[in-house]
Amino acid sequence: MHWEARFRELARRQEGLFARHHLRSVGCSHDHWWRAQRSGRWEALSPRVLRLGGVPESDGQRALAAVLDASPGAVLHGASTLAWFGFRGFDLRRVHVARARGVSGKPTHLGVPHELRALRPHHVIVSRGVPTETPLRAIWSTAAGYSPEPLFEIGVERIMRLVDDANKRKLLTFAALHEMVHDIHERGRSGSAIMREVARLRPPGSSPTESRNEQELEKVLDRAGERRLRRQVVVGGHEPIGRTDFGDDELPLVLEVNSLIHHTTPSDRQADELRYRRLNDVGFTVVVIWEDDLWTHPKAVVDVIREGRRLAATDQTVTIHSPGCPWPDQGVAA
């Protein structure tokens, strides 16, 4: 395939954009990069990003161009992430991007750069083709701006509104908020005090979505004559792994209810599997119920919980899923 056809094929999937660091992935060289610029068919938006001529400008193009210009692995950040997800009061007039500290020292030309001490894989997603922080991680970034003591009360109120708005739109759960507060717990971390206070005021399971799932699971168990599980259990030992949706008071078994919205991207799956392995490693059998099964296949839910209890009773520390698991290579309970 001709080098420009390769450029165009990739640009077609990326708002008409092609980044310099894509050269190797499409089998092209720096000579092809300079040819593209000399051809007049490509416009240099920065020393590292080209735009195919004739492709109209858009917010998505501006956001992605800023991310590509920052470095490989960069993401949309903070206020720009919230604007991308449609939160009121935020816009993309100045595009904020983040990259892990030490990844690149090169200046950026299309966005406002931020360097983060840690950019955890499960805090990164791709939304409408743009790599970005999760809304929850972006809200934490916003909370950091209210860290000075005089702004604390204003910050709590502002961040609580953002968290509630995101929860209503199914962009986060209060349980996930508590998980992040536990995960990013370094003393003095900007925004930590505000996020801890918001988490205190928004207990796991108190949102309509979370409590609805919990109540339905309890109804399913009651109808089947099965013993109930205890809600919102922190497990792990000396170094707690975190909060699980349910725990069994009589067996080393924990249960999670997963939604397709928050648990299907590659980074979601990676984070989930790591969490399940850690739970297995400290002696727990893990049962994962997929939300669609909870509401449409209650018998399958009961069957997988019974199987999980059988395995836990015989010290088999494995992870099993209900049949609606969307991970194609993941073995699930029958």
Protein backbone atom coordinates (compact mmCIF):
# COMPACT_ATOMS: atom_id res chain seq x y z
CA MET A 1 0.00 0.00 0.00
CA HIS A 2 1.29 3.50 -0.90
CA TRP A 3 2.53 5.47 2.11
CA GLU A 4 -0.14 8.16 1.74
CA ALA A 5 -2.90 5.57 1.59
CA ARG A 6 -1.62 4.32 4.95
CA PHE A 7 -1.68 7.85 6.34
CA ARG A 8 -5.23 8.37 5.09
CA GLU A 9 -6.50 5.04 6.37
CA LEU A 10 -5.38 5.89 9.91
CA ALA A 11 -6.51 9.52 9.66
CA ARG A 12 -9.96 8.38 8.61
CA ARG A 13 -10.38 6.78 12.05
CA GLN A 14 -8.92 9.78 13.89
CA GLU A 15 -10.82 12.92 12.93
CA GLY A 16 -8.55 13.37 9.87
CA LEU A 17 -5.39 13.44 12.04
CA PHE A 18 -2.05 11.66 11.80
CA ALA A 19 0.65 11.89 14.49
CA ARG A 20 4.37 11.56 14.01
CA HIS A 21 4.56 8.71 16.51
CA HIS A 22 2.21 6.69 14.26
CA LEU A 23 4.87 6.34 11.55
CA ARG A 24 6.28 3.05 12.77
CA SER A 25 2.86 1.50 13.35
CA VAL A 26 1.88 2.02 9.69
CA GLY A 27 5.29 1.02 8.31
CA CYS A 28 6.32 4.52 7.19
CA SER A 29 9.41 6.68 7.71
CA HIS A 30 10.23 10.29 8.57
CA ASP A 31 10.82 10.89 4.85
CA HIS A 32 7.13 10.09 4.25
CA TRP A 33 6.24 12.59 6.99
CA TRP A 34 8.08 15.37 5.17
CA ARG A 35 6.60 14.32 1.84
CA ALA A 36 3.11 14.68 3.31
CA GLN A 37 3.83 18.24 4.37
CA ARG A 38 5.40 19.20 1.04
CA SER A 39 2.46 17.69 -0.88
CA GLY A 40 0.08 20.42 0.23
CA ARG A 41 -2.55 17.78 0.99
CA TRP A 42 -1.73 17.71 4.69
CA GLU A 43 -1.63 20.64 7.11
CA ALA A 44 0.85 20.71 10.00
CA LEU A 45 -1.11 21.61 13.15
CA SER A 46 2.08 21.20 15.19
CA PRO A 47 5.51 19.63 14.70
CA ARG A 48 3.94 16.30 15.68
CA VAL A 49 0.39 16.36 14.22
CA LEU A 50 -0.87 16.58 10.63
CA ARG A 51 -4.44 17.13 9.45
CA LEU A 52 -5.71 15.89 6.12
CA GLY A 53 -6.83 18.76 3.91
CA GLY A 54 -10.57 19.23 3.56
CA VAL A 55 -11.47 17.59 6.87
CA PRO A 56 -13.70 20.03 8.81
CA GLU A 57 -12.67 21.23 12.26
CA SER A 58 -14.60 19.98 15.28
CA ASP A 59 -14.33 19.82 19.05
CA GLY A 60 -13.39 16.17 18.76
CA GLN A 61 -10.61 16.98 16.32
CA ARG A 62 -9.23 19.74 18.59
CA ALA A 63 -9.32 17.45 21.62
CA LEU A 64 -7.65 14.52 19.84
CA ALA A 65 -5.04 16.76 18.19
CA ALA A 66 -3.99 18.11 21.60
CA VAL A 67 -3.71 14.57 23.01
CA LEU A 68 -1.66 13.34 20.03
CA ASP A 69 0.60 16.38 20.23
CA ALA A 70 1.41 15.84 23.92
CA SER A 71 2.97 12.35 23.66
CA PRO A 72 2.08 8.70 23.15
CA GLY A 73 -0.06 7.68 26.12
CA ALA A 74 -1.35 11.19 26.80
CA VAL A 75 -5.03 11.70 27.67
CA LEU A 76 -7.62 14.43 27.88
CA HIS A 77 -7.51 15.84 31.40
CA GLY A 78 -9.50 17.58 34.11
CA ALA A 79 -11.86 20.30 32.92
CA SER A 80 -11.47 19.19 29.30
CA THR A 81 -12.54 15.64 30.16
CA LEU A 82 -15.62 17.01 31.91
CA ALA A 83 -16.38 19.18 28.87
CA TRP A 84 -15.99 16.12 26.60
CA PHE A 85 -18.56 14.26 28.69
CA GLY A 86 -20.97 17.20 28.54
CA PHE A 87 -20.79 18.56 32.09
CA ARG A 88 -22.25 22.04 32.33
CA GLY A 89 -19.81 24.87 32.99
CA PHE A 90 -16.88 23.29 31.11
CA ASP A 91 -15.70 23.82 27.53
CA LEU A 92 -12.88 22.92 25.15
CA ARG A 93 -11.65 26.42 24.34
CA ARG A 94 -8.40 25.48 26.10
CA VAL A 95 -7.68 21.76 25.85
CA HIS A 96 -6.02 20.29 28.95
CA VAL A 97 -4.00 17.11 28.47
CA ALA A 98 -2.10 14.88 30.90
CA ARG A 99 0.83 12.55 30.56
CA ALA A 100 2.70 10.48 33.11
CA ARG A 101 5.65 12.31 34.64
CA GLY A 102 8.89 11.54 32.82
CA VAL A 103 7.28 10.21 29.64
CA SER A 104 8.19 13.28 27.59
CA GLY A 105 9.85 16.61 28.23
CA LYS A 106 8.91 18.05 24.85
CA PRO A 107 6.74 21.17 24.84
CA THR A 108 3.17 20.94 23.61
CA HIS A 109 1.65 23.27 21.04
CA LEU A 110 -2.05 22.37 20.94
CA GLY A 111 -3.00 21.93 24.60
CA VAL A 112 -2.24 22.83 28.19
CA PRO A 113 0.03 20.05 29.54
CA HIS A 114 -0.13 18.47 33.00
CA GLU A 115 2.29 15.86 34.32
CA LEU A 116 0.87 13.29 36.73
CA ARG A 117 2.80 11.24 39.26
CA ALA A 118 0.65 8.23 38.44
CA LEU A 119 -1.71 7.58 35.55
CA ARG A 120 -3.26 4.24 36.44
CA PRO A 121 -4.51 2.12 33.52
CA HIS A 122 -8.01 1.80 34.99
CA HIS A 123 -8.31 5.61 35.08
CA VAL A 124 -7.95 5.82 31.28
CA ILE A 125 -10.65 5.12 28.70
CA VAL A 126 -11.35 5.94 25.06
CA SER A 127 -14.55 7.93 24.59
CA ARG A 128 -15.76 8.69 21.05
CA GLY A 129 -12.25 8.02 19.76
CA VAL A 130 -10.40 10.27 22.23
CA PRO A 131 -8.14 8.85 24.99
CA THR A 132 -9.24 10.49 28.22
CA GLU A 133 -9.32 10.17 31.96
CA THR A 134 -12.46 8.68 33.41
CA PRO A 135 -14.98 11.29 34.59
CA LEU A 136 -14.24 10.27 38.20
CA ARG A 137 -10.49 10.87 37.76
CA ALA A 138 -11.26 14.21 36.10
CA ILE A 139 -13.48 15.23 39.02
CA TRP A 140 -10.56 14.47 41.38
CA SER A 141 -8.36 16.74 39.22
CA THR A 142 -10.98 19.47 39.56
CA ALA A 143 -11.08 18.99 43.34
CA ALA A 144 -7.35 19.74 43.48
CA GLY A 145 -8.13 23.34 42.49
CA TYR A 146 -10.05 23.78 45.74
CA SER A 147 -7.27 22.45 48.00
CA PRO A 148 -6.47 25.78 49.77
CA GLU A 149 -8.26 25.85 53.13
CA PRO A 150 -10.42 28.95 52.37
CA LEU A 151 -11.91 27.11 49.36
CA PHE A 152 -12.62 23.80 51.13
CA GLU A 153 -16.35 24.25 51.79
CA ILE A 154 -16.96 25.67 48.33
CA GLY A 155 -14.97 22.78 46.87
CA VAL A 156 -16.97 20.12 48.71
CA GLU A 157 -20.24 21.59 47.46
CA ARG A 158 -18.96 21.96 43.90
CA ILE A 159 -17.45 18.47 43.71
CA MET A 160 -20.51 16.89 45.30
CA ARG A 161 -22.67 18.38 42.54
CA LEU A 162 -20.32 16.98 39.89
CA VAL A 163 -20.33 13.54 41.53
CA ASP A 164 -24.14 13.53 41.76
CA ASP A 165 -24.48 14.65 38.14
CA ALA A 166 -22.06 11.93 36.97
CA ASN A 167 -23.89 9.34 39.05
CA LYS A 168 -27.27 10.25 37.56
CA ARG A 169 -25.78 9.90 34.08
CA LYS A 170 -24.28 6.49 34.97
CA LEU A 171 -20.71 7.76 34.56
CA LEU A 172 -19.68 6.68 38.06
CA THR A 173 -20.96 4.93 41.16
CA PHE A 174 -20.52 5.93 44.78
CA ALA A 175 -18.78 2.59 45.34
CA ALA A 176 -16.23 3.55 42.66
CA LEU A 177 -15.75 6.90 44.41
CA HIS A 178 -14.83 5.08 47.63
CA GLU A 179 -12.50 2.75 45.73
CA MET A 180 -10.62 5.71 44.27
CA VAL A 181 -10.37 7.45 47.64
CA HIS A 182 -8.81 4.27 49.00
CA ASP A 183 -6.59 3.83 45.94
CA ILE A 184 -5.21 7.39 45.87
CA HIS A 185 -4.63 7.94 49.55
CA GLU A 186 -1.19 9.55 49.77
CA ARG A 187 -0.94 12.17 52.49
CA GLY A 188 -1.12 15.66 51.06
CA ARG A 189 -2.29 14.60 47.60
CA SER A 190 -4.11 17.60 46.11
CA GLY A 191 -7.86 17.22 46.37
CA SER A 192 -7.70 14.24 48.75
CA ALA A 193 -9.40 15.97 51.68
CA ILE A 194 -12.30 17.14 49.52
CA MET A 195 -12.77 13.73 47.89
CA ARG A 196 -12.71 11.99 51.28
CA GLU A 197 -15.40 14.34 52.54
CA VAL A 198 -17.56 13.84 49.45
CA ALA A 199 -17.15 10.08 49.81
CA ARG A 200 -18.20 10.30 53.45
CA LEU A 201 -21.38 12.09 52.39
CA ARG A 202 -22.06 9.63 49.57
CA PRO A 203 -21.84 6.09 51.07
CA PRO A 204 -21.57 3.12 48.68
CA GLY A 205 -24.98 1.77 47.75
CA SER A 206 -26.78 5.01 48.59
CA SER A 207 -27.30 6.07 44.97
CA PRO A 208 -30.52 4.92 43.29
CA THR A 209 -28.63 2.76 40.76
CA GLU A 210 -26.48 0.93 43.31
CA SER A 211 -29.24 0.40 45.86
CA ARG A 212 -31.60 -0.79 43.09
CA ASN A 213 -29.16 -3.55 42.09
CA GLU A 214 -28.55 -4.53 45.71
CA GLN A 215 -32.25 -4.72 46.47
CA GLU A 216 -32.92 -6.80 43.35
CA LEU A 217 -30.18 -9.28 44.22
CA GLU A 218 -31.64 -9.71 47.70
CA LYS A 219 -35.08 -10.33 46.16
CA VAL A 220 -33.61 -12.95 43.81
CA LEU A 221 -31.96 -14.76 46.73
CA ASP A 222 -35.11 -14.54 48.87
CA ARG A 223 -37.30 -16.02 46.12
CA ALA A 224 -34.85 -18.90 45.70
CA GLY A 225 -34.70 -19.57 49.43
CA GLU A 226 -31.00 -18.69 49.55
CA ARG A 227 -29.29 -17.01 52.49
CA ARG A 228 -28.67 -13.30 51.92
CA LEU A 229 -25.24 -11.72 51.52
CA ARG A 230 -23.97 -8.71 53.46
CA ARG A 231 -23.77 -5.44 51.53
CA GLN A 232 -20.62 -3.34 51.02
CA VAL A 233 -17.82 -5.31 52.65
CA VAL A 234 -14.19 -4.15 52.90
CA VAL A 235 -11.82 -7.09 52.46
CA GLY A 236 -8.11 -7.76 52.24
CA GLY A 237 -6.29 -7.93 55.56
CA HIS A 238 -3.36 -5.69 56.58
CA GLU A 239 -3.44 -3.97 53.16
CA PRO A 240 -7.16 -3.81 52.30
CA ILE A 241 -7.95 -4.60 48.69
CA GLY A 242 -11.09 -2.52 48.82
CA ARG A 243 -14.83 -2.60 49.06
CA THR A 244 -16.88 -5.35 47.43
CA ASP A 245 -20.59 -5.17 46.66
CA PHE A 246 -21.42 -8.19 48.83
CA GLY A 247 -19.72 -10.64 51.18
CA ASP A 248 -20.78 -13.95 52.68
CA ASP A 249 -20.80 -13.98 56.50
CA GLU A 250 -20.20 -17.74 56.66
CA LEU A 251 -17.84 -18.42 53.75
CA PRO A 252 -14.75 -16.76 52.18
CA LEU A 253 -16.82 -15.50 49.26
CA VAL A 254 -17.34 -12.03 47.80
CA LEU A 255 -19.69 -10.93 45.03
CA GLU A 256 -19.58 -8.03 42.57
CA VAL A 257 -22.39 -6.75 40.34
CA ASN A 258 -20.86 -5.41 37.10
CA SER A 259 -22.49 -3.16 34.52
CA LEU A 260 -21.65 -3.17 30.83
CA ILE A 261 -21.06 0.60 31.03
CA HIS A 262 -18.17 0.47 33.48
CA HIS A 263 -16.58 -2.96 33.01
CA THR A 264 -16.07 -3.72 29.31
CA THR A 265 -13.16 -1.61 28.01
CA PRO A 266 -9.67 -3.20 27.96
CA SER A 267 -8.53 -0.97 30.84
CA ASP A 268 -11.67 -1.83 32.83
CA ARG A 269 -11.07 -5.52 32.32
CA GLN A 270 -7.39 -5.25 33.25
CA ALA A 271 -8.25 -3.48 36.51
CA ASP A 272 -11.04 -5.94 37.32
CA GLU A 273 -8.93 -9.02 36.68
CA LEU A 274 -6.11 -7.66 38.84
CA ARG A 275 -8.59 -6.99 41.64
CA TYR A 276 -10.10 -10.48 41.38
CA ARG A 277 -6.66 -12.10 41.43
CA ARG A 278 -5.77 -10.18 44.57
CA LEU A 279 -8.98 -11.34 46.21
CA ASN A 280 -8.23 -14.93 45.17
CA ASP A 281 -4.68 -14.61 46.49
CA VAL A 282 -5.90 -13.71 49.99
CA GLY A 283 -8.35 -16.61 50.07
CA PHE A 284 -11.63 -15.44 48.56
CA THR A 285 -13.79 -17.07 45.94
CA VAL A 286 -15.14 -14.30 43.70
CA VAL A 287 -18.56 -14.36 42.04
CA VAL A 288 -19.21 -11.75 39.34
CA ILE A 289 -22.85 -11.10 38.45
CA TRP A 290 -23.42 -9.13 35.26
CA GLU A 291 -26.21 -6.58 35.61
CA ASP A 292 -28.24 -7.80 32.63
CA ASP A 293 -28.34 -11.29 34.15
CA LEU A 294 -29.53 -9.87 37.45
CA TRP A 295 -32.60 -8.35 35.80
CA THR A 296 -33.33 -10.86 33.03
CA HIS A 297 -31.88 -14.24 34.10
CA PRO A 298 -32.40 -14.55 37.87
CA LYS A 299 -32.14 -18.35 37.77
CA ALA A 300 -28.63 -18.08 36.28
CA VAL A 301 -27.74 -15.63 39.05
CA VAL A 302 -28.89 -18.08 41.73
CA ASP A 303 -27.01 -20.92 40.04
CA VAL A 304 -23.71 -19.05 39.91
CA ILE A 305 -24.03 -17.93 43.55
CA ARG A 306 -24.72 -21.52 44.62
CA GLU A 307 -21.68 -22.66 42.65
CA GLY A 308 -19.59 -19.92 44.24
CA ARG A 309 -20.65 -21.05 47.71
CA ARG A 310 -19.81 -24.65 46.86
CA LEU A 311 -16.34 -23.63 45.68
CA ALA A 312 -15.75 -21.40 48.70
CA ALA A 313 -16.76 -24.21 51.05
CA THR A 314 -14.03 -26.39 49.53
CA ASP A 315 -11.37 -23.64 49.56
CA GLN A 316 -11.29 -23.21 45.79
CA THR A 317 -10.21 -19.59 45.42
CA VAL A 318 -11.25 -18.86 41.85
CA THR A 319 -13.34 -16.26 40.03
CA ILE A 320 -16.55 -17.24 38.23
CA HIS A 321 -18.95 -15.11 36.18
CA SER A 322 -22.63 -15.25 35.37
CA PRO A 323 -23.38 -16.17 31.72
CA GLY A 324 -23.80 -12.56 30.56
CA CYS A 325 -20.06 -11.87 30.92
CA PRO A 326 -18.99 -9.90 27.78
CA TRP A 327 -15.35 -10.97 27.96
CA PRO A 328 -15.22 -13.52 25.10
CA ASP A 329 -12.33 -15.63 26.37
CA GLN A 330 -13.50 -15.68 29.98
CA GLY A 331 -14.91 -18.96 31.21
CA VAL A 332 -18.28 -18.40 32.84
CA ALA A 333 -20.52 -20.46 35.03
CA ALA A 334 -23.10 -22.51 33.17
